[in-house]
PDB file of N, CA and C in Angstrom:
ATOM      1  N   UNK A   1       0.821  -1.190   0.000  1.00  0.00           N
ATOM      2  CA  UNK A   1       0.000   0.000   0.000  1.00  0.00           C
ATOM      3  C   UNK A   1       0.866   1.256   0.000  1.00  0.00           C
ATOM      4  N   UNK A   2       1.901   1.272   0.802  1.00  0.00           N
ATOM      5  CA  UNK A   2       2.770   2.439   0.896  1.00  0.00           C
ATOM      6  C   UNK A   2       3.536   2.663  -0.402  1.00  0.00           C
ATOM      7  N   UNK A   3       3.887   1.550  -1.088  1.00  0.00           N
ATOM      8  CA  UNK A   3       4.630   1.664  -2.341  1.00  0.00           C
ATOM      9  C   UNK A   3       3.781   2.321  -3.431  1.00  0.00           C
ATOM     10  N   UNK A   4       2.512   1.930  -3.527  1.00  0.00           N
ATOM     11  CA  UNK A   4       1.640   2.542  -4.540  1.00  0.00           C
ATOM     12  C   UNK A   4       1.359   3.999  -4.203  1.00  0.00           C
ATOM     13  N   UNK A   5       1.307   4.309  -2.938  1.00  0.00           N
ATOM     14  CA  UNK A   5       1.098   5.700  -2.517  1.00  0.00           C
ATOM     15  C   UNK A   5       2.277   6.567  -2.932  1.00  0.00           C
ATOM     16  N   UNK A   6       3.486   6.072  -2.764  1.00  0.00           N
ATOM     17  CA  UNK A   6       4.664   6.844  -3.163  1.00  0.00           C
ATOM     18  C   UNK A   6       4.742   6.978  -4.680  1.00  0.00           C
ATOM     19  N   UNK A   7       4.254   5.973  -5.402  1.00  0.00           N
ATOM     20  CA  UNK A   7       4.225   6.060  -6.865  1.00  0.00           C
ATOM     21  C   UNK A   7       3.279   7.160  -7.322  1.00  0.00           C
ATOM     22  N   UNK A   8       2.085   7.207  -6.731  1.00  0.00           N
ATOM     23  CA  UNK A   8       1.136   8.258  -7.097  1.00  0.00           C
ATOM     24  C   UNK A   8       1.643   9.634  -6.684  1.00  0.00           C
ATOM     25  N   UNK A   9       2.332   9.705  -5.572  1.00  0.00           N
ATOM     26  CA  UNK A   9       2.910  10.979  -5.129  1.00  0.00           C
ATOM     27  C   UNK A   9       3.959  11.448  -6.130  1.00  0.00           C
ATOM     28  N   UNK A  10       4.787  10.541  -6.599  1.00  0.00           N
ATOM     29  CA  UNK A  10       5.814  10.895  -7.581  1.00  0.00           C
ATOM     30  C   UNK A  10       5.180  11.358  -8.888  1.00  0.00           C
ATOM     31  N   UNK A  11       4.120  10.684  -9.316  1.00  0.00           N
ATOM     32  CA  UNK A  11       3.415  11.103 -10.530  1.00  0.00           C
ATOM     33  C   UNK A  11       2.797  12.484 -10.359  1.00  0.00           C
ATOM     34  N   UNK A  12       2.234  12.740  -9.208  1.00  0.00           N
ATOM     35  CA  UNK A  12       1.651  14.051  -8.933  1.00  0.00           C
ATOM     36  C   UNK A  12       2.689  15.152  -8.939  1.00  0.00           C
ATOM     37  N   UNK A  13       3.841  14.874  -8.352  1.00  0.00           N
ATOM     38  CA  UNK A  13       4.911  15.876  -8.337  1.00  0.00           C
ATOM     39  C   UNK A  13       5.442  16.142  -9.734  1.00  0.00           C
ATOM     40  N   UNK A  14       5.558  15.095 -10.529  1.00  0.00           N
ATOM     41  CA  UNK A  14       6.024  15.264 -11.902  1.00  0.00           C
ATOM     42  C   UNK A  14       5.048  16.126 -12.695  1.00  0.00           C
ATOM     43  N   UNK A  15       3.778  15.845 -12.558  1.00  0.00           N
ATOM     44  CA  UNK A  15       2.768  16.661 -13.226  1.00  0.00           C
ATOM     45  C   UNK A  15       2.750  18.082 -12.703  1.00  0.00           C
ATOM     46  N   UNK A  16       2.958  18.231 -11.410  1.00  0.00           N
ATOM     47  CA  UNK A  16       2.993  19.562 -10.806  1.00  0.00           C
ATOM     48  C   UNK A  16       4.149  20.394 -11.311  1.00  0.00           C
ATOM     49  N   UNK A  17       5.295  19.763 -11.485  1.00  0.00           N
ATOM     50  CA  UNK A  17       6.463  20.481 -11.999  1.00  0.00           C
ATOM     51  C   UNK A  17       6.193  20.966 -13.417  1.00  0.00           C
ATOM     52  N   UNK A  18       5.615  20.111 -14.237  1.00  0.00           N
ATOM     53  CA  UNK A  18       5.278  20.515 -15.602  1.00  0.00           C
ATOM     54  C   UNK A  18       4.261  21.641 -15.627  1.00  0.00           C
ATOM     55  N   UNK A  19       3.273  21.560 -14.750  1.00  0.00           N
ATOM     56  CA  UNK A  19       2.242  22.594 -14.697  1.00  0.00           C
ATOM     57  C   UNK A  19       2.819  23.928 -14.240  1.00  0.00           C
ATOM     58  N   UNK A  20       3.721  23.898 -13.270  1.00  0.00           N
ATOM     59  CA  UNK A  20       4.344  25.137 -12.794  1.00  0.00           C
ATOM     60  C   UNK A  20       5.143  25.795 -13.907  1.00  0.00           C
ATOM     61  N   UNK A  21       5.934  25.010 -14.612  1.00  0.00           N
ATOM     62  CA  UNK A  21       6.735  25.579 -15.706  1.00  0.00           C
ATOM     63  C   UNK A  21       5.840  26.140 -16.806  1.00  0.00           C
ATOM     64  N   UNK A  22       4.823  25.387 -17.181  1.00  0.00           N
ATOM     65  CA  UNK A  22       3.922  25.850 -18.246  1.00  0.00           C
ATOM     66  C   UNK A  22       3.185  27.117 -17.835  1.00  0.00           C
ATOM     67  N   UNK A  23       2.707  27.162 -16.603  1.00  0.00           N
ATOM     68  CA  UNK A  23       1.972  28.339 -16.136  1.00  0.00           C
ATOM     69  C   UNK A  23       2.865  29.573 -16.103  1.00  0.00           C
ATOM     70  N   UNK A  24       4.089  29.415 -15.632  1.00  0.00           N
ATOM     71  CA  UNK A  24       5.010  30.553 -15.584  1.00  0.00           C
ATOM     72  C   UNK A  24       5.324  31.068 -16.984  1.00  0.00           C
ATOM     73  N   UNK A  25       5.606  30.167 -17.894  1.00  0.00           N
ATOM     74  CA  UNK A  25       5.954  30.579 -19.256  1.00  0.00           C
ATOM     75  C   UNK A  25       4.756  31.228 -19.950  1.00  0.00           C
ATOM     76  N   UNK A  26       3.573  30.658 -19.792  1.00  0.00           N
ATOM     77  CA  UNK A  26       2.382  31.262 -20.398  1.00  0.00           C
ATOM     78  C   UNK A  26       2.092  32.640 -19.810  1.00  0.00           C
ATOM     79  N   UNK A  27       2.219  32.768 -18.499  1.00  0.00           N
ATOM     80  CA  UNK A  27       2.000  34.071 -17.869  1.00  0.00           C
ATOM     81  C   UNK A  27       3.009  35.091 -18.391  1.00  0.00           C
ATOM     82  N   UNK A  28       4.270  34.696 -18.481  1.00  0.00           N
ATOM     83  CA  UNK A  28       5.292  35.597 -19.010  1.00  0.00           C
ATOM     84  C   UNK A  28       5.021  36.003 -20.439  1.00  0.00           C
ATOM     85  N   UNK A  29       4.553  35.061 -21.239  1.00  0.00           N
ATOM     86  CA  UNK A  29       4.246  35.349 -22.639  1.00  0.00           C
ATOM     87  C   UNK A  29       3.121  36.375 -22.757  1.00  0.00           C
ATOM     88  N   UNK A  30       2.020  36.132 -22.052  1.00  0.00           N
ATOM     89  CA  UNK A  30       0.874  37.030 -22.179  1.00  0.00           C
ATOM     90  C   UNK A  30       1.143  38.400 -21.554  1.00  0.00           C
ATOM     91  N   UNK A  31       1.852  38.428 -20.449  1.00  0.00           N
ATOM     92  CA  UNK A  31       2.208  39.716 -19.848  1.00  0.00           C
ATOM     93  C   UNK A  31       3.134  40.490 -20.775  1.00  0.00           C
ATOM     94  N   UNK A  32       4.117  39.809 -21.338  1.00  0.00           N
ATOM     95  CA  UNK A  32       5.043  40.464 -22.262  1.00  0.00           C
ATOM     96  C   UNK A  32       4.355  40.992 -23.505  1.00  0.00           C
ATOM     97  N   UNK A  33       3.450  40.207 -24.071  1.00  0.00           N
ATOM     98  CA  UNK A  33       2.699  40.663 -25.259  1.00  0.00           C
ATOM     99  C   UNK A  33       1.854  41.885 -24.930  1.00  0.00           C
ATOM    100  N   UNK A  34       1.201  41.848 -23.773  1.00  0.00           N
ATOM    101  CA  UNK A  34       0.368  42.981 -23.364  1.00  0.00           C
ATOM    102  C   UNK A  34       1.209  44.243 -23.195  1.00  0.00           C
ATOM    103  N   UNK A  35       2.326  44.113 -22.491  1.00  0.00           N
ATOM    104  CA  UNK A  35       3.176  45.284 -22.255  1.00  0.00           C
ATOM    105  C   UNK A  35       3.791  45.803 -23.549  1.00  0.00           C
ATOM    106  N   UNK A  36       4.192  44.906 -24.441  1.00  0.00           N
ATOM    107  CA  UNK A  36       4.721  45.340 -25.737  1.00  0.00           C
ATOM    108  C   UNK A  36       3.668  46.096 -26.539  1.00  0.00           C
ATOM    109  N   UNK A  37       2.438  45.618 -26.516  1.00  0.00           N
ATOM    110  CA  UNK A  37       1.365  46.304 -27.242  1.00  0.00           C
ATOM    111  C   UNK A  37       1.070  47.665 -26.618  1.00  0.00           C
ATOM    112  N   UNK A  38       1.135  47.730 -25.303  1.00  0.00           N
ATOM    113  CA  UNK A  38       0.818  48.982 -24.604  1.00  0.00           C
ATOM    114  C   UNK A  38       1.897  50.036 -24.818  1.00  0.00           C
ATOM    115  N   UNK A  39       3.162  49.624 -24.771  1.00  0.00           N
ATOM    116  CA  UNK A  39       4.262  50.585 -24.851  1.00  0.00           C
ATOM    117  C   UNK A  39       4.954  50.617 -26.209  1.00  0.00           C
ATOM    118  N   UNK A  40       4.586  49.727 -27.123  1.00  0.00           N
ATOM    119  CA  UNK A  40       5.187  49.703 -28.453  1.00  0.00           C
ATOM    120  C   UNK A  40       6.662  49.337 -28.448  1.00  0.00           C
ATOM    121  N   UNK A  41       7.023  48.389 -27.627  1.00  0.00           N
ATOM    122  CA  UNK A  41       8.432  48.008 -27.475  1.00  0.00           C
ATOM    123  C   UNK A  41       8.730  46.606 -28.001  1.00  0.00           C
ATOM    124  N   UNK A  42       7.876  46.093 -28.868  1.00  0.00           N
ATOM    125  CA  UNK A  42       8.020  44.713 -29.344  1.00  0.00           C
ATOM    126  C   UNK A  42       9.413  44.468 -29.900  1.00  0.00           C
ATOM    127  N   UNK A  43      10.028  43.388 -29.616  1.00  0.00           N
ATOM    128  CA  UNK A  43       9.689  42.242 -28.770  1.00  0.00           C
ATOM    129  C   UNK A  43      10.391  42.280 -27.424  1.00  0.00           C
ATOM    130  N   UNK A  44      10.895  43.426 -27.010  1.00  0.00           N
ATOM    131  CA  UNK A  44      11.798  43.481 -25.858  1.00  0.00           C
ATOM    132  C   UNK A  44      11.136  43.129 -24.534  1.00  0.00           C
ATOM    133  N   UNK A  45       9.964  43.647 -24.273  1.00  0.00           N
ATOM    134  CA  UNK A  45       9.311  43.304 -23.009  1.00  0.00           C
ATOM    135  C   UNK A  45       8.821  41.855 -23.006  1.00  0.00           C
ATOM    136  N   UNK A  46       8.478  41.339 -24.170  1.00  0.00           N
ATOM    137  CA  UNK A  46       8.117  39.921 -24.269  1.00  0.00           C
ATOM    138  C   UNK A  46       9.315  39.050 -23.907  1.00  0.00           C
ATOM    139  N   UNK A  47      10.462  39.366 -24.461  1.00  0.00           N
ATOM    140  CA  UNK A  47      11.675  38.594 -24.165  1.00  0.00           C
ATOM    141  C   UNK A  47      12.028  38.700 -22.687  1.00  0.00           C
ATOM    142  N   UNK A  48      11.972  39.922 -22.148  1.00  0.00           N
ATOM    143  CA  UNK A  48      12.308  40.123 -20.736  1.00  0.00           C
ATOM    144  C   UNK A  48      11.338  39.380 -19.824  1.00  0.00           C
ATOM    145  N   UNK A  49      10.051  39.459 -20.125  1.00  0.00           N
ATOM    146  CA  UNK A  49       9.081  38.785 -19.263  1.00  0.00           C
ATOM    147  C   UNK A  49       9.190  37.264 -19.375  1.00  0.00           C
ATOM    148  N   UNK A  50       9.511  36.758 -20.558  1.00  0.00           N
ATOM    149  CA  UNK A  50       9.716  35.313 -20.694  1.00  0.00           C
ATOM    150  C   UNK A  50      10.934  34.849 -19.902  1.00  0.00           C
ATOM    151  N   UNK A  51      12.005  35.622 -19.946  1.00  0.00           N
ATOM    152  CA  UNK A  51      13.197  35.258 -19.169  1.00  0.00           C
ATOM    153  C   UNK A  51      12.905  35.275 -17.672  1.00  0.00           C
ATOM    154  N   UNK A  52      12.183  36.300 -17.222  1.00  0.00           N
ATOM    155  CA  UNK A  52      11.828  36.360 -15.800  1.00  0.00           C
ATOM    156  C   UNK A  52      10.893  35.216 -15.415  1.00  0.00           C
ATOM    157  N   UNK A  53       9.950  34.901 -16.290  1.00  0.00           N
ATOM    158  CA  UNK A  53       9.008  33.818 -16.007  1.00  0.00           C
ATOM    159  C   UNK A  53       9.718  32.470 -15.960  1.00  0.00           C
ATOM    160  N   UNK A  54      10.647  32.252 -16.872  1.00  0.00           N
ATOM    161  CA  UNK A  54      11.398  30.995 -16.864  1.00  0.00           C
ATOM    162  C   UNK A  54      12.249  30.883 -15.609  1.00  0.00           C
ATOM    163  N   UNK A  55      12.847  31.988 -15.198  1.00  0.00           N
ATOM    164  CA  UNK A  55      13.631  31.987 -13.964  1.00  0.00           C
ATOM    165  C   UNK A  55      12.743  31.670 -12.769  1.00  0.00           C
ATOM    166  N   UNK A  56      11.574  32.302 -12.707  1.00  0.00           N
ATOM    167  CA  UNK A  56      10.642  32.030 -11.613  1.00  0.00           C
ATOM    168  C   UNK A  56      10.193  30.573 -11.633  1.00  0.00           C
ATOM    169  N   UNK A  57       9.950  30.033 -12.814  1.00  0.00           N
ATOM    170  CA  UNK A  57       9.553  28.632 -12.931  1.00  0.00           C
ATOM    171  C   UNK A  57      10.630  27.688 -12.435  1.00  0.00           C
ATOM    172  N   UNK A  58      11.872  27.949 -12.827  1.00  0.00           N
ATOM    173  CA  UNK A  58      12.971  27.101 -12.372  1.00  0.00           C
ATOM    174  C   UNK A  58      13.167  27.204 -10.863  1.00  0.00           C
ATOM    175  N   UNK A  59      12.981  28.400 -10.297  1.00  0.00           N
ATOM    176  CA  UNK A  59      13.096  28.542  -8.848  1.00  0.00           C
ATOM    177  C   UNK A  59      12.002  27.760  -8.128  1.00  0.00           C
ATOM    178  N   UNK A  60      10.791  27.785  -8.651  1.00  0.00           N
ATOM    179  CA  UNK A  60       9.705  27.014  -8.047  1.00  0.00           C
ATOM    180  C   UNK A  60       9.962  25.516  -8.149  1.00  0.00           C
ATOM    181  N   UNK A  61      10.454  25.078  -9.287  1.00  0.00           N
ATOM    182  CA  UNK A  61      10.792  23.659  -9.450  1.00  0.00           C
ATOM    183  C   UNK A  61      11.888  23.274  -8.463  1.00  0.00           C
ATOM    184  N   UNK A  62      12.878  24.134  -8.297  1.00  0.00           N
ATOM    185  CA  UNK A  62      13.957  23.875  -7.340  1.00  0.00           C
ATOM    186  C   UNK A  62      13.393  23.728  -5.928  1.00  0.00           C
ATOM    187  N   UNK A  63      12.470  24.603  -5.547  1.00  0.00           N
ATOM    188  CA  UNK A  63      11.869  24.521  -4.217  1.00  0.00           C
ATOM    189  C   UNK A  63      11.103  23.213  -4.037  1.00  0.00           C
ATOM    190  N   UNK A  64      10.368  22.804  -5.070  1.00  0.00           N
ATOM    191  CA  UNK A  64       9.600  21.558  -4.997  1.00  0.00           C
ATOM    192  C   UNK A  64      10.540  20.368  -4.850  1.00  0.00           C
ATOM    193  N   UNK A  65      11.577  20.325  -5.665  1.00  0.00           N
ATOM    194  CA  UNK A  65      12.528  19.206  -5.620  1.00  0.00           C
ATOM    195  C   UNK A  65      13.253  19.177  -4.282  1.00  0.00           C
ATOM    196  N   UNK A  66      13.624  20.334  -3.776  1.00  0.00           N
ATOM    197  CA  UNK A  66      14.306  20.411  -2.487  1.00  0.00           C
ATOM    198  C   UNK A  66      13.402  19.884  -1.368  1.00  0.00           C
ATOM    199  N   UNK A  67      12.130  20.242  -1.405  1.00  0.00           N
ATOM    200  CA  UNK A  67      11.179  19.769  -0.401  1.00  0.00           C
ATOM    201  C   UNK A  67      11.011  18.257  -0.479  1.00  0.00           C
ATOM    202  N   UNK A  68      10.891  17.730  -1.686  1.00  0.00           N
ATOM    203  CA  UNK A  68      10.729  16.283  -1.865  1.00  0.00           C
ATOM    204  C   UNK A  68      11.968  15.545  -1.381  1.00  0.00           C
ATOM    205  N   UNK A  69      13.128  16.061  -1.701  1.00  0.00           N
ATOM    206  CA  UNK A  69      14.368  15.416  -1.260  1.00  0.00           C
ATOM    207  C   UNK A  69      14.464  15.411   0.262  1.00  0.00           C
ATOM    208  N   UNK A  70      14.066  16.507   0.897  1.00  0.00           N
ATOM    209  CA  UNK A  70      14.101  16.579   2.357  1.00  0.00           C
ATOM    210  C   UNK A  70      13.123  15.569   2.960  1.00  0.00           C
ATOM    211  N   UNK A  71      11.913  15.474   2.390  1.00  0.00           N
ATOM    212  CA  UNK A  71      10.931  14.508   2.890  1.00  0.00           C
ATOM    213  C   UNK A  71      11.402  13.076   2.679  1.00  0.00           C
ATOM    214  N   UNK A  72      12.023  12.813   1.541  1.00  0.00           N
ATOM    215  CA  UNK A  72      12.534  11.473   1.259  1.00  0.00           C
ATOM    216  C   UNK A  72      13.636  11.102   2.237  1.00  0.00           C
ATOM    217  N   UNK A  73      14.514  12.040   2.517  1.00  0.00           N
ATOM    218  CA  UNK A  73      15.597  11.794   3.468  1.00  0.00           C
ATOM    219  C   UNK A  73      15.035  11.521   4.858  1.00  0.00           C
ATOM    220  N   UNK A  74      14.035  12.302   5.270  1.00  0.00           N
ATOM    221  CA  UNK A  74      13.421  12.089   6.580  1.00  0.00           C
ATOM    222  C   UNK A  74      12.728  10.735   6.654  1.00  0.00           C
ATOM    223  N   UNK A  75      12.057  10.327   5.580  1.00  0.00           N
ATOM    224  CA  UNK A  75      11.391   9.018   5.568  1.00  0.00           C
ATOM    225  C   UNK A  75      12.403   7.882   5.603  1.00  0.00           C
ATOM    226  N   UNK A  76      13.534   8.051   4.917  1.00  0.00           N
ATOM    227  CA  UNK A  76      14.568   7.019   4.934  1.00  0.00           C
ATOM    228  C   UNK A  76      15.170   6.873   6.324  1.00  0.00           C
ATOM    229  N   UNK A  77      15.317   7.978   7.037  1.00  0.00           N
ATOM    230  CA  UNK A  77      15.869   7.915   8.390  1.00  0.00           C
ATOM    231  C   UNK A  77      14.909   7.217   9.343  1.00  0.00           C
ATOM    232  N   UNK A  78      13.603   7.406   9.131  1.00  0.00           N
ATOM    233  CA  UNK A  78      12.602   6.763   9.990  1.00  0.00           C
ATOM    234  C   UNK A  78      12.566   5.259   9.771  1.00  0.00           C
ATOM    235  N   UNK A  79      12.805   4.833   8.533  1.00  0.00           N
ATOM    236  CA  UNK A  79      12.748   3.399   8.215  1.00  0.00           C
ATOM    237  C   UNK A  79      14.090   2.822   8.456  1.00  0.00           C
TER     238      UNK A  79
END
């Protein structure tokens, strides 16, 4: 039972990581397009917002992986 639970948890985390990256990149894209249209700076604000969004996405993924690794280490110590 515990093994299948950890499998589903791993699948959920994998899907969550993909969703976080996709959401950050999409948000950066739409914000950049909006700002470029508003200020007439195409494509510079789009590029800048995409870079910031990708950085934010990677930082969130890093936090998720770090948390999972810490939980895995704690579970290994208990067993």
